[in-house]
Amino acid sequence: MSFELLSKLETKIQAALETIELQKMELEEEKQKAVELQQQLEDEKRKSEQLQQELHNWNEKVTGLVGLLNNEVA
């Protein structure tokens, strides 16, 4: 009877170890995805900052041109 119990215990331990290994692999995959998402977020932030700067520059140009037009009309 004790050999049978040891055999069952060994089977359960082996199953637990396999589950732990699978969870470790999944965790590593999720960590890698998190790193990739963080990089994408940083890239998008940079793009957003560039677009905001371009918009600001265009607004200044338009404001300047409108000012010149106002001066010519006045």
PDB file of N, CA and C in Angstrom:
ATOM      1  N   MET A   1       0.804  -1.185   0.000  1.00  0.00           N
ATOM      2  CA  MET A   1       0.000   0.000   0.000  1.00  0.00           C
ATOM      3  C   MET A   1       0.860   1.267   0.000  1.00  0.00           C
ATOM      4  N   SER A   2       1.941   1.301   0.741  1.00  0.00           N
ATOM      5  CA  SER A   2       2.760   2.509   0.792  1.00  0.00           C
ATOM      6  C   SER A   2       3.470   2.749  -0.539  1.00  0.00           C
ATOM      7  N   PHE A   3       3.810   1.675  -1.260  1.00  0.00           N
ATOM      8  CA  PHE A   3       4.423   1.868  -2.578  1.00  0.00           C
ATOM      9  C   PHE A   3       3.424   2.542  -3.519  1.00  0.00           C
ATOM     10  N   GLU A   4       2.171   2.151  -3.431  1.00  0.00           N
ATOM     11  CA  GLU A   4       1.127   2.748  -4.257  1.00  0.00           C
ATOM     12  C   GLU A   4       0.950   4.225  -3.903  1.00  0.00           C
ATOM     13  N   LEU A   5       0.986   4.544  -2.627  1.00  0.00           N
ATOM     14  CA  LEU A   5       0.870   5.943  -2.198  1.00  0.00           C
ATOM     15  C   LEU A   5       2.061   6.762  -2.685  1.00  0.00           C
ATOM     16  N   LEU A   6       3.263   6.171  -2.594  1.00  0.00           N
ATOM     17  CA  LEU A   6       4.460   6.872  -3.076  1.00  0.00           C
ATOM     18  C   LEU A   6       4.376   7.094  -4.581  1.00  0.00           C
ATOM     19  N   SER A   7       3.862   6.128  -5.283  1.00  0.00           N
ATOM     20  CA  SER A   7       3.711   6.261  -6.731  1.00  0.00           C
ATOM     21  C   SER A   7       2.733   7.383  -7.068  1.00  0.00           C
ATOM     22  N   LYS A   8       1.604   7.461  -6.363  1.00  0.00           N
ATOM     23  CA  LYS A   8       0.628   8.524  -6.571  1.00  0.00           C
ATOM     24  C   LYS A   8       1.235   9.886  -6.232  1.00  0.00           C
ATOM     25  N   LEU A   9       1.972   9.908  -5.140  1.00  0.00           N
ATOM     26  CA  LEU A   9       2.614  11.150  -4.726  1.00  0.00           C
ATOM     27  C   LEU A   9       3.618  11.607  -5.788  1.00  0.00           C
ATOM     28  N   GLU A  10       4.393  10.667  -6.297  1.00  0.00           N
ATOM     29  CA  GLU A  10       5.366  10.998  -7.339  1.00  0.00           C
ATOM     30  C   GLU A  10       4.662  11.550  -8.573  1.00  0.00           C
ATOM     31  N   THR A  11       3.531  10.948  -8.948  1.00  0.00           N
ATOM     32  CA  THR A  11       2.764  11.416 -10.102  1.00  0.00           C
ATOM     33  C   THR A  11       2.256  12.831  -9.869  1.00  0.00           C
ATOM     34  N   LYS A  12       1.746  13.087  -8.677  1.00  0.00           N
ATOM     35  CA  LYS A  12       1.243  14.418  -8.359  1.00  0.00           C
ATOM     36  C   LYS A  12       2.365  15.447  -8.335  1.00  0.00           C
ATOM     37  N   ILE A  13       3.500  15.054  -7.791  1.00  0.00           N
ATOM     38  CA  ILE A  13       4.652  15.974  -7.754  1.00  0.00           C
ATOM     39  C   ILE A  13       5.115  16.289  -9.171  1.00  0.00           C
ATOM     40  N   GLN A  14       5.170  15.264 -10.014  1.00  0.00           N
ATOM     41  CA  GLN A  14       5.592  15.468 -11.401  1.00  0.00           C
ATOM     42  C   GLN A  14       4.615  16.395 -12.121  1.00  0.00           C
ATOM     43  N   ALA A  15       3.325  16.195 -11.896  1.00  0.00           N
ATOM     44  CA  ALA A  15       2.322  17.062 -12.512  1.00  0.00           C
ATOM     45  C   ALA A  15       2.475  18.500 -12.009  1.00  0.00           C
ATOM     46  N   ALA A  16       2.732  18.659 -10.719  1.00  0.00           N
ATOM     47  CA  ALA A  16       2.914  19.994 -10.147  1.00  0.00           C
ATOM     48  C   ALA A  16       4.150  20.668 -10.746  1.00  0.00           C
ATOM     49  N   LEU A  17       5.233  19.906 -10.905  1.00  0.00           N
ATOM     50  CA  LEU A  17       6.455  20.467 -11.492  1.00  0.00           C
ATOM     51  C   LEU A  17       6.221  20.886 -12.942  1.00  0.00           C
ATOM     52  N   GLU A  18       5.479  20.101 -13.676  1.00  0.00           N
ATOM     53  CA  GLU A  18       5.173  20.454 -15.065  1.00  0.00           C
ATOM     54  C   GLU A  18       4.317  21.718 -15.122  1.00  0.00           C
ATOM     55  N   THR A  19       3.352  21.806 -14.209  1.00  0.00           N
ATOM     56  CA  THR A  19       2.509  22.997 -14.151  1.00  0.00           C
ATOM     57  C   THR A  19       3.339  24.226 -13.814  1.00  0.00           C
ATOM     58  N   ILE A  20       4.237  24.081 -12.874  1.00  0.00           N
ATOM     59  CA  ILE A  20       5.120  25.200 -12.495  1.00  0.00           C
ATOM     60  C   ILE A  20       5.975  25.616 -13.685  1.00  0.00           C
ATOM     61  N   GLU A  21       6.507  24.662 -14.394  1.00  0.00           N
ATOM     62  CA  GLU A  21       7.353  24.973 -15.553  1.00  0.00           C
ATOM     63  C   GLU A  21       6.546  25.692 -16.632  1.00  0.00           C
ATOM     64  N   LEU A  22       5.332  25.228 -16.886  1.00  0.00           N
ATOM     65  CA  LEU A  22       4.473  25.901 -17.865  1.00  0.00           C
ATOM     66  C   LEU A  22       4.160  27.323 -17.440  1.00  0.00           C
ATOM     67  N   GLN A  23       3.888  27.503 -16.148  1.00  0.00           N
ATOM     68  CA  GLN A  23       3.588  28.847 -15.653  1.00  0.00           C
ATOM     69  C   GLN A  23       4.806  29.756 -15.748  1.00  0.00           C
ATOM     70  N   LYS A  24       5.974  29.203 -15.522  1.00  0.00           N
ATOM     71  CA  LYS A  24       7.198  29.996 -15.678  1.00  0.00           C
ATOM     72  C   LYS A  24       7.358  30.449 -17.118  1.00  0.00           C
ATOM     73  N   MET A  25       7.095  29.539 -18.049  1.00  0.00           N
ATOM     74  CA  MET A  25       7.209  29.882 -19.464  1.00  0.00           C
ATOM     75  C   MET A  25       6.189  30.953 -19.838  1.00  0.00           C
ATOM     76  N   GLU A  26       4.968  30.814 -19.353  1.00  0.00           N
ATOM     77  CA  GLU A  26       3.939  31.814 -19.625  1.00  0.00           C
ATOM     78  C   GLU A  26       4.308  33.157 -19.028  1.00  0.00           C
ATOM     79  N   LEU A  27       4.869  33.138 -17.841  1.00  0.00           N
ATOM     80  CA  LEU A  27       5.298  34.369 -17.189  1.00  0.00           C
ATOM     81  C   LEU A  27       6.380  35.065 -18.013  1.00  0.00           C
ATOM     82  N   GLU A  28       7.330  34.309 -18.510  1.00  0.00           N
ATOM     83  CA  GLU A  28       8.387  34.890 -19.342  1.00  0.00           C
ATOM     84  C   GLU A  28       7.805  35.495 -20.617  1.00  0.00           C
ATOM     85  N   GLU A  29       6.841  34.812 -21.209  1.00  0.00           N
ATOM     86  CA  GLU A  29       6.189  35.352 -22.402  1.00  0.00           C
ATOM     87  C   GLU A  29       5.482  36.661 -22.081  1.00  0.00           C
ATOM     88  N   GLU A  30       4.788  36.694 -20.967  1.00  0.00           N
ATOM     89  CA  GLU A  30       4.080  37.911 -20.568  1.00  0.00           C
ATOM     90  C   GLU A  30       5.056  39.044 -20.259  1.00  0.00           C
ATOM     91  N   LYS A  31       6.177  38.711 -19.649  1.00  0.00           N
ATOM     92  CA  LYS A  31       7.190  39.742 -19.384  1.00  0.00           C
ATOM     93  C   LYS A  31       7.716  40.312 -20.687  1.00  0.00           C
ATOM     94  N   GLN A  32       7.956  39.445 -21.667  1.00  0.00           N
ATOM     95  CA  GLN A  32       8.450  39.900 -22.960  1.00  0.00           C
ATOM     96  C   GLN A  32       7.410  40.780 -23.650  1.00  0.00           C
ATOM     97  N   LYS A  33       6.145  40.380 -23.565  1.00  0.00           N
ATOM     98  CA  LYS A  33       5.083  41.200 -24.146  1.00  0.00           C
ATOM     99  C   LYS A  33       5.035  42.563 -23.470  1.00  0.00           C
ATOM    100  N   ALA A  34       5.212  42.587 -22.159  1.00  0.00           N
ATOM    101  CA  ALA A  34       5.196  43.850 -21.414  1.00  0.00           C
ATOM    102  C   ALA A  34       6.342  44.749 -21.868  1.00  0.00           C
ATOM    103  N   VAL A  35       7.511  44.167 -22.083  1.00  0.00           N
ATOM    104  CA  VAL A  35       8.662  44.952 -22.555  1.00  0.00           C
ATOM    105  C   VAL A  35       8.358  45.529 -23.940  1.00  0.00           C
ATOM    106  N   GLU A  36       7.795  44.698 -24.808  1.00  0.00           N
ATOM    107  CA  GLU A  36       7.467  45.158 -26.157  1.00  0.00           C
ATOM    108  C   GLU A  36       6.408  46.255 -26.119  1.00  0.00           C
ATOM    109  N   LEU A  37       5.397  46.091 -25.274  1.00  0.00           N
ATOM    110  CA  LEU A  37       4.363  47.112 -25.161  1.00  0.00           C
ATOM    111  C   LEU A  37       4.926  48.417 -24.603  1.00  0.00           C
ATOM    112  N   GLN A  38       5.828  48.313 -23.658  1.00  0.00           N
ATOM    113  CA  GLN A  38       6.463  49.508 -23.101  1.00  0.00           C
ATOM    114  C   GLN A  38       7.253  50.245 -24.183  1.00  0.00           C
ATOM    115  N   GLN A  39       7.958  49.485 -25.023  1.00  0.00           N
ATOM    116  CA  GLN A  39       8.720  50.095 -26.112  1.00  0.00           C
ATOM    117  C   GLN A  39       7.775  50.771 -27.106  1.00  0.00           C
ATOM    118  N   GLN A  40       6.666  50.105 -27.425  1.00  0.00           N
ATOM    119  CA  GLN A  40       5.683  50.702 -28.329  1.00  0.00           C
ATOM    120  C   GLN A  40       5.113  51.982 -27.735  1.00  0.00           C
ATOM    121  N   LEU A  41       4.830  51.953 -26.448  1.00  0.00           N
ATOM    122  CA  LEU A  41       4.304  53.140 -25.778  1.00  0.00           C
ATOM    123  C   LEU A  41       5.296  54.293 -25.863  1.00  0.00           C
ATOM    124  N   GLU A  42       6.558  54.010 -25.620  1.00  0.00           N
ATOM    125  CA  GLU A  42       7.581  55.053 -25.702  1.00  0.00           C
ATOM    126  C   GLU A  42       7.693  55.591 -27.123  1.00  0.00           C
ATOM    127  N   ASP A  43       7.617  54.705 -28.120  1.00  0.00           N
ATOM    128  CA  ASP A  43       7.661  55.141 -29.515  1.00  0.00           C
ATOM    129  C   ASP A  43       6.476  56.047 -29.845  1.00  0.00           C
ATOM    130  N   GLU A  44       5.299  55.653 -29.393  1.00  0.00           N
ATOM    131  CA  GLU A  44       4.105  56.454 -29.650  1.00  0.00           C
ATOM    132  C   GLU A  44       4.174  57.798 -28.942  1.00  0.00           C
ATOM    133  N   LYS A  45       4.730  57.824 -27.744  1.00  0.00           N
ATOM    134  CA  LYS A  45       4.893  59.100 -27.037  1.00  0.00           C
ATOM    135  C   LYS A  45       5.824  60.021 -27.812  1.00  0.00           C
ATOM    136  N   ARG A  46       6.928  59.456 -28.336  1.00  0.00           N
ATOM    137  CA  ARG A  46       7.862  60.256 -29.128  1.00  0.00           C
ATOM    138  C   ARG A  46       7.175  60.808 -30.373  1.00  0.00           C
ATOM    139  N   LYS A  47       6.405  59.958 -31.046  1.00  0.00           N
ATOM    140  CA  LYS A  47       5.693  60.403 -32.243  1.00  0.00           C
ATOM    141  C   LYS A  47       4.704  61.511 -31.897  1.00  0.00           C
ATOM    142  N   SER A  48       4.012  61.348 -30.788  1.00  0.00           N
ATOM    143  CA  SER A  48       3.048  62.348 -30.356  1.00  0.00           C
ATOM    144  C   SER A  48       3.749  63.677 -30.074  1.00  0.00           C
ATOM    145  N   GLU A  49       4.870  63.623 -29.403  1.00  0.00           N
ATOM    146  CA  GLU A  49       5.615  64.849 -29.102  1.00  0.00           C
ATOM    147  C   GLU A  49       6.078  65.526 -30.386  1.00  0.00           C
ATOM    148  N   GLN A  50       6.537  64.715 -31.355  1.00  0.00           N
ATOM    149  CA  GLN A  50       6.973  65.287 -32.634  1.00  0.00           C
ATOM    150  C   GLN A  50       5.803  65.956 -33.354  1.00  0.00           C
ATOM    151  N   LEU A  51       4.648  65.274 -33.355  1.00  0.00           N
ATOM    152  CA  LEU A  51       3.472  65.846 -34.015  1.00  0.00           C
ATOM    153  C   LEU A  51       3.005  67.113 -33.316  1.00  0.00           C
ATOM    154  N   GLN A  52       3.067  67.126 -31.994  1.00  0.00           N
ATOM    155  CA  GLN A  52       2.683  68.332 -31.259  1.00  0.00           C
ATOM    156  C   GLN A  52       3.629  69.485 -31.586  1.00  0.00           C
ATOM    157  N   GLN A  53       4.912  69.184 -31.724  1.00  0.00           N
ATOM    158  CA  GLN A  53       5.873  70.224 -32.071  1.00  0.00           C
ATOM    159  C   GLN A  53       5.619  70.742 -33.485  1.00  0.00           C
ATOM    160  N   GLU A  54       5.330  69.809 -34.405  1.00  0.00           N
ATOM    161  CA  GLU A  54       5.023  70.223 -35.770  1.00  0.00           C
ATOM    162  C   GLU A  54       3.761  71.090 -35.804  1.00  0.00           C
ATOM    163  N   LEU A  55       2.750  70.710 -35.057  1.00  0.00           N
ATOM    164  CA  LEU A  55       1.517  71.495 -34.990  1.00  0.00           C
ATOM    165  C   LEU A  55       1.806  72.887 -34.440  1.00  0.00           C
ATOM    166  N   HIS A  56       2.601  72.943 -33.408  1.00  0.00           N
ATOM    167  CA  HIS A  56       2.967  74.241 -32.821  1.00  0.00           C
ATOM    168  C   HIS A  56       3.681  75.109 -33.861  1.00  0.00           C
ATOM    169  N   ASN A  57       4.622  74.497 -34.582  1.00  0.00           N
ATOM    170  CA  ASN A  57       5.357  75.247 -35.613  1.00  0.00           C
ATOM    171  C   ASN A  57       4.417  75.761 -36.695  1.00  0.00           C
ATOM    172  N   TRP A  58       3.489  74.915 -37.142  1.00  0.00           N
ATOM    173  CA  TRP A  58       2.535  75.343 -38.171  1.00  0.00           C
ATOM    174  C   TRP A  58       1.631  76.454 -37.643  1.00  0.00           C
ATOM    175  N   ASN A  59       1.200  76.326 -36.397  1.00  0.00           N
ATOM    176  CA  ASN A  59       0.369  77.386 -35.813  1.00  0.00           C
ATOM    177  C   ASN A  59       1.109  78.714 -35.781  1.00  0.00           C
ATOM    178  N   GLU A  60       2.391  78.679 -35.459  1.00  0.00           N
ATOM    179  CA  GLU A  60       3.186  79.911 -35.445  1.00  0.00           C
ATOM    180  C   GLU A  60       3.301  80.499 -36.846  1.00  0.00           C
ATOM    181  N   LYS A  61       3.517  79.633 -37.837  1.00  0.00           N
ATOM    182  CA  LYS A  61       3.622  80.110 -39.219  1.00  0.00           C
ATOM    183  C   LYS A  61       2.315  80.737 -39.681  1.00  0.00           C
ATOM    184  N   VAL A  62       1.211  80.056 -39.399  1.00  0.00           N
ATOM    185  CA  VAL A  62      -0.085  80.578 -39.811  1.00  0.00           C
ATOM    186  C   VAL A  62      -0.379  81.899 -39.108  1.00  0.00           C
ATOM    187  N   THR A  63      -0.101  81.955 -37.826  1.00  0.00           N
ATOM    188  CA  THR A  63      -0.316  83.190 -37.073  1.00  0.00           C
ATOM    189  C   THR A  63       0.531  84.320 -37.663  1.00  0.00           C
ATOM    190  N   GLY A  64       1.757  84.009 -38.005  1.00  0.00           N
ATOM    191  CA  GLY A  64       2.627  85.019 -38.618  1.00  0.00           C
ATOM    192  C   GLY A  64       2.099  85.488 -39.949  1.00  0.00           C
ATOM    193  N   LEU A  65       1.634  84.555 -40.773  1.00  0.00           N
ATOM    194  CA  LEU A  65       1.085  84.929 -42.074  1.00  0.00           C
ATOM    195  C   LEU A  65      -0.196  85.738 -41.943  1.00  0.00           C
ATOM    196  N   VAL A  66      -1.047  85.355 -40.995  1.00  0.00           N
ATOM    197  CA  VAL A  66      -2.270  86.124 -40.755  1.00  0.00           C
ATOM    198  C   VAL A  66      -1.900  87.529 -40.288  1.00  0.00           C
ATOM    199  N   GLY A  67      -0.877  87.634 -39.464  1.00  0.00           N
ATOM    200  CA  GLY A  67      -0.414  88.956 -39.023  1.00  0.00           C
ATOM    201  C   GLY A  67       0.074  89.806 -40.191  1.00  0.00           C
ATOM    202  N   LEU A  68       0.803  89.175 -41.105  1.00  0.00           N
ATOM    203  CA  LEU A  68       1.267  89.916 -42.286  1.00  0.00           C
ATOM    204  C   LEU A  68       0.096  90.372 -43.144  1.00  0.00           C
ATOM    205  N   LEU A  69      -0.894  89.495 -43.316  1.00  0.00           N
ATOM    206  CA  LEU A  69      -2.077  89.872 -44.085  1.00  0.00           C
ATOM    207  C   LEU A  69      -2.815  91.032 -43.433  1.00  0.00           C
ATOM    208  N   ASN A  70      -2.942  90.981 -42.118  1.00  0.00           N
ATOM    209  CA  ASN A  70      -3.615  92.064 -41.401  1.00  0.00           C
ATOM    210  C   ASN A  70      -2.871  93.377 -41.576  1.00  0.00           C
ATOM    211  N   ASN A  71      -1.547  93.321 -41.557  1.00  0.00           N
ATOM    212  CA  ASN A  71      -0.747  94.531 -41.729  1.00  0.00           C
ATOM    213  C   ASN A  71      -0.897  95.090 -43.145  1.00  0.00           C
ATOM    214  N   GLU A  72      -0.996  94.199 -44.135  1.00  0.00           N
ATOM    215  CA  GLU A  72      -1.148  94.641 -45.529  1.00  0.00           C
ATOM    216  C   GLU A  72      -2.524  95.259 -45.742  1.00  0.00           C
ATOM    217  N   VAL A  73      -3.548  94.718 -45.110  1.00  0.00           N
ATOM    218  CA  VAL A  73      -4.905  95.194 -45.276  1.00  0.00           C
ATOM    219  C   VAL A  73      -5.094  96.523 -44.549  1.00  0.00           C
ATOM    220  N   ALA A  74      -4.440  96.640 -43.421  1.00  0.00           N
ATOM    221  CA  ALA A  74      -4.633  97.852 -42.594  1.00  0.00           C
ATOM    222  C   ALA A  74      -3.980  99.056 -43.151  1.00  0.00           C
TER     223      ALA A  74
END
